[in-house]
Amino acid sequence: MELVIEPDVYSPSIDENGNYIDRIPSFNIIKKGLLCPCGARKDKIYETHTMFSAHIKTKVHQKWLAEINNKKINYYVEYEKQKTDLQNLRISYAKLEKVVIAKTLEIETLNQKLNEKTNNSDININLLDF
């Protein structure tokens, strides 16, 4: 079985003002090309710096970049909501884990009691003798 190397997915950088900007990564470290999530061509792999540089100048890519800049407040709100949701899930998981541990201990205790009763009643009684 052979490993398949996927192309990297492009994500814009953030400038000092918190705006998303295009900064083309070095193609020396990108071995299988670059996919852009802007929606222009989802299956298009940009294999060189020149190809990707031409792509980021397209209207579709520029519109996408402007759109994510306009929605960055929403992204932050969504991030905060997901952070809260994750914390709540961790708390729920911990509570459920405690329940599982308690139930496991209860099962073990009941199994021990059952084994003790079974071992004590190993005396064979012939009911026909009565």
C-alpha atoms as a PDB file:
ATOM      1  CA  MET A   1       0.000   0.000   0.000  1.00  0.00           C
ATOM      2  CA  GLU A   2       1.300   3.399  -0.982  1.00  0.00           C
ATOM      3  CA  LEU A   3       0.715   6.708   0.749  1.00  0.00           C
ATOM      4  CA  VAL A   4      -0.991   9.379  -1.318  1.00  0.00           C
ATOM      5  CA  ILE A   5       0.236  12.916  -0.870  1.00  0.00           C
ATOM      6  CA  GLU A   6      -2.588  15.447  -1.152  1.00  0.00           C
ATOM      7  CA  PRO A   7      -2.130  19.029  -2.336  1.00  0.00           C
ATOM      8  CA  ASP A   8      -2.010  21.696   0.342  1.00  0.00           C
ATOM      9  CA  VAL A   9      -5.070  23.896   0.885  1.00  0.00           C
ATOM     10  CA  TYR A  10      -4.430  27.610   0.667  1.00  0.00           C
ATOM     11  CA  SER A  11      -5.459  29.883   3.506  1.00  0.00           C
ATOM     12  CA  PRO A  12      -4.925  33.634   3.422  1.00  0.00           C
ATOM     13  CA  SER A  13      -2.677  35.371   5.907  1.00  0.00           C
ATOM     14  CA  ILE A  14      -3.730  38.077   8.347  1.00  0.00           C
ATOM     15  CA  ASP A  15      -2.124  41.504   8.267  1.00  0.00           C
ATOM     16  CA  GLU A  16      -1.373  43.759  11.249  1.00  0.00           C
ATOM     17  CA  ASN A  17      -4.904  45.226  11.057  1.00  0.00           C
ATOM     18  CA  GLY A  18      -6.550  41.823  11.265  1.00  0.00           C
ATOM     19  CA  ASN A  19      -7.548  41.724   7.601  1.00  0.00           C
ATOM     20  CA  TYR A  20      -7.175  38.644   5.432  1.00  0.00           C
ATOM     21  CA  ILE A  21      -4.607  39.163   2.692  1.00  0.00           C
ATOM     22  CA  ASP A  22      -3.070  36.993   0.013  1.00  0.00           C
ATOM     23  CA  ARG A  23       0.450  35.874   0.755  1.00  0.00           C
ATOM     24  CA  ILE A  24       1.656  33.155  -1.573  1.00  0.00           C
ATOM     25  CA  PRO A  25       3.492  30.406   0.302  1.00  0.00           C
ATOM     26  CA  SER A  26       6.825  29.134  -0.946  1.00  0.00           C
ATOM     27  CA  PHE A  27       6.394  26.475  -3.586  1.00  0.00           C
ATOM     28  CA  ASN A  28       9.747  25.001  -2.498  1.00  0.00           C
ATOM     29  CA  ILE A  29       7.967  23.274   0.406  1.00  0.00           C
ATOM     30  CA  ILE A  30       4.708  22.557  -1.440  1.00  0.00           C
ATOM     31  CA  LYS A  31       5.255  19.247  -3.187  1.00  0.00           C
ATOM     32  CA  LYS A  32       1.845  18.426  -4.683  1.00  0.00           C
ATOM     33  CA  GLY A  33       0.495  21.860  -5.497  1.00  0.00           C
ATOM     34  CA  LEU A  34      -2.023  24.143  -3.874  1.00  0.00           C
ATOM     35  CA  LEU A  35      -5.835  24.084  -3.809  1.00  0.00           C
ATOM     36  CA  CYS A  36      -7.707  27.333  -3.286  1.00  0.00           C
ATOM     37  CA  PRO A  37     -11.032  27.226  -1.384  1.00  0.00           C
ATOM     38  CA  CYS A  38     -12.327  30.371  -3.101  1.00  0.00           C
ATOM     39  CA  GLY A  39     -14.659  28.336  -5.278  1.00  0.00           C
ATOM     40  CA  ALA A  40     -13.273  29.368  -8.660  1.00  0.00           C
ATOM     41  CA  ARG A  41     -12.326  25.799  -9.523  1.00  0.00           C
ATOM     42  CA  LYS A  42     -12.410  23.420  -6.580  1.00  0.00           C
ATOM     43  CA  ASP A  43     -10.574  20.688  -8.476  1.00  0.00           C
ATOM     44  CA  LYS A  44      -7.843  22.971  -9.854  1.00  0.00           C
ATOM     45  CA  ILE A  45      -4.390  22.358  -8.418  1.00  0.00           C
ATOM     46  CA  TYR A  46      -1.937  25.224  -8.781  1.00  0.00           C
ATOM     47  CA  GLU A  47       1.485  23.677  -9.154  1.00  0.00           C
ATOM     48  CA  THR A  48       3.667  26.759  -9.524  1.00  0.00           C
ATOM     49  CA  HIS A  49       4.046  30.174  -7.961  1.00  0.00           C
ATOM     50  CA  THR A  50       3.214  31.789 -11.301  1.00  0.00           C
ATOM     51  CA  MET A  51      -0.032  29.824 -11.723  1.00  0.00           C
ATOM     52  CA  PHE A  52      -1.218  30.660  -8.221  1.00  0.00           C
ATOM     53  CA  SER A  53      -0.140  34.286  -8.540  1.00  0.00           C
ATOM     54  CA  ALA A  54      -2.342  34.607 -11.639  1.00  0.00           C
ATOM     55  CA  HIS A  55      -5.220  32.882  -9.818  1.00  0.00           C
ATOM     56  CA  ILE A  56      -5.267  35.264  -6.846  1.00  0.00           C
ATOM     57  CA  LYS A  57      -5.739  38.188  -9.270  1.00  0.00           C
ATOM     58  CA  THR A  58      -9.007  36.741 -10.623  1.00  0.00           C
ATOM     59  CA  LYS A  59     -12.329  38.392  -9.814  1.00  0.00           C
ATOM     60  CA  VAL A  60     -13.665  35.236  -8.153  1.00  0.00           C
ATOM     61  CA  HIS A  61     -10.703  35.000  -5.784  1.00  0.00           C
ATOM     62  CA  GLN A  62     -10.759  38.738  -4.995  1.00  0.00           C
ATOM     63  CA  LYS A  63     -14.500  38.575  -4.275  1.00  0.00           C
ATOM     64  CA  TRP A  64     -13.937  35.572  -1.971  1.00  0.00           C
ATOM     65  CA  LEU A  65     -11.181  37.404  -0.074  1.00  0.00           C
ATOM     66  CA  ALA A  66     -13.387  40.496   0.326  1.00  0.00           C
ATOM     67  CA  GLU A  67     -16.254  38.308   1.526  1.00  0.00           C
ATOM     68  CA  ILE A  68     -14.225  36.605   4.245  1.00  0.00           C
ATOM     69  CA  ASN A  69     -12.945  40.017   5.346  1.00  0.00           C
ATOM     70  CA  ASN A  70     -16.542  41.226   5.623  1.00  0.00           C
ATOM     71  CA  LYS A  71     -17.501  38.139   7.629  1.00  0.00           C
ATOM     72  CA  LYS A  72     -14.480  38.054   9.937  1.00  0.00           C
ATOM     73  CA  ILE A  73     -16.547  39.266  12.906  1.00  0.00           C
ATOM     74  CA  ASN A  74     -18.929  36.392  12.277  1.00  0.00           C
ATOM     75  CA  TYR A  75     -15.991  33.998  12.107  1.00  0.00           C
ATOM     76  CA  TYR A  76     -14.806  35.213  15.504  1.00  0.00           C
ATOM     77  CA  VAL A  77     -18.299  34.861  17.000  1.00  0.00           C
ATOM     78  CA  GLU A  78     -18.552  31.356  15.513  1.00  0.00           C
ATOM     79  CA  TYR A  79     -15.102  30.498  16.903  1.00  0.00           C
ATOM     80  CA  GLU A  80     -16.139  31.640  20.394  1.00  0.00           C
ATOM     81  CA  LYS A  81     -19.377  29.635  20.155  1.00  0.00           C
ATOM     82  CA  GLN A  82     -17.474  26.526  19.074  1.00  0.00           C
ATOM     83  CA  LYS A  83     -15.025  27.033  21.937  1.00  0.00           C
ATOM     84  CA  THR A  84     -17.942  27.161  24.407  1.00  0.00           C
ATOM     85  CA  ASP A  85     -19.598  24.145  22.795  1.00  0.00           C
ATOM     86  CA  LEU A  86     -16.349  22.195  23.002  1.00  0.00           C
ATOM     87  CA  GLN A  87     -15.967  23.054  26.696  1.00  0.00           C
ATOM     88  CA  ASN A  88     -19.554  21.925  27.366  1.00  0.00           C
ATOM     89  CA  LEU A  89     -18.923  18.685  25.493  1.00  0.00           C
ATOM     90  CA  ARG A  90     -15.792  18.048  27.552  1.00  0.00           C
ATOM     91  CA  ILE A  91     -17.783  18.558  30.767  1.00  0.00           C
ATOM     92  CA  SER A  92     -20.552  16.223  29.535  1.00  0.00           C
ATOM     93  CA  TYR A  93     -17.976  13.645  28.522  1.00  0.00           C
ATOM     94  CA  ALA A  94     -16.321  13.781  31.935  1.00  0.00           C
ATOM     95  CA  LYS A  95     -19.693  13.334  33.676  1.00  0.00           C
ATOM     96  CA  LEU A  96     -20.587  10.387  31.458  1.00  0.00           C
ATOM     97  CA  GLU A  97     -17.168   8.866  32.038  1.00  0.00           C
ATOM     98  CA  LYS A  98     -17.774   9.017  35.807  1.00  0.00           C
ATOM     99  CA  VAL A  99     -21.146   7.293  35.318  1.00  0.00           C
ATOM    100  CA  VAL A 100     -19.523   4.562  33.236  1.00  0.00           C
ATOM    101  CA  ILE A 101     -16.836   4.001  35.888  1.00  0.00           C
ATOM    102  CA  ALA A 102     -19.467   3.813  38.644  1.00  0.00           C
ATOM    103  CA  LYS A 103     -21.583   1.358  36.633  1.00  0.00           C
ATOM    104  CA  THR A 104     -18.528  -0.759  35.850  1.00  0.00           C
ATOM    105  CA  LEU A 105     -17.669  -0.952  39.551  1.00  0.00           C
ATOM    106  CA  GLU A 106     -21.276  -1.849  40.356  1.00  0.00           C
ATOM    107  CA  ILE A 107     -21.222  -4.628  37.764  1.00  0.00           C
ATOM    108  CA  GLU A 108     -17.953  -5.988  39.145  1.00  0.00           C
ATOM    109  CA  THR A 109     -19.360  -5.950  42.694  1.00  0.00           C
ATOM    110  CA  LEU A 110     -22.528  -7.737  41.626  1.00  0.00           C
ATOM    111  CA  ASN A 111     -20.503 -10.302  39.688  1.00  0.00           C
ATOM    112  CA  GLN A 112     -18.382 -10.980  42.766  1.00  0.00           C
ATOM    113  CA  LYS A 113     -21.507 -11.448  44.904  1.00  0.00           C
ATOM    114  CA  LEU A 114     -23.000 -13.740  42.290  1.00  0.00           C
ATOM    115  CA  ASN A 115     -19.817 -15.790  42.141  1.00  0.00           C
ATOM    116  CA  GLU A 116     -19.726 -16.062  45.936  1.00  0.00           C
ATOM    117  CA  LYS A 117     -23.328 -17.298  46.056  1.00  0.00           C
ATOM    118  CA  THR A 118     -22.674 -19.723  43.204  1.00  0.00           C
ATOM    119  CA  ASN A 119     -19.577 -21.086  44.942  1.00  0.00           C
ATOM    120  CA  ASN A 120     -21.441 -21.472  48.267  1.00  0.00           C
ATOM    121  CA  SER A 121     -24.283 -23.353  46.646  1.00  0.00           C
ATOM    122  CA  ASP A 122     -22.106 -25.899  44.869  1.00  0.00           C
ATOM    123  CA  ILE A 123     -23.334 -28.563  47.239  1.00  0.00           C
ATOM    124  CA  ASN A 124     -25.290 -31.029  45.181  1.00  0.00           C
ATOM    125  CA  ILE A 125     -28.776 -31.559  46.478  1.00  0.00           C
ATOM    126  CA  ASN A 126     -30.763 -34.419  45.146  1.00  0.00           C
ATOM    127  CA  LEU A 127     -34.335 -33.222  45.200  1.00  0.00           C
ATOM    128  CA  LEU A 128     -35.579 -36.824  44.895  1.00  0.00           C
ATOM    129  CA  ASP A 129     -34.299 -37.557  48.405  1.00  0.00           C
ATOM    130  CA  PHE A 130     -37.012 -35.431  50.000  1.00  0.00           C
END
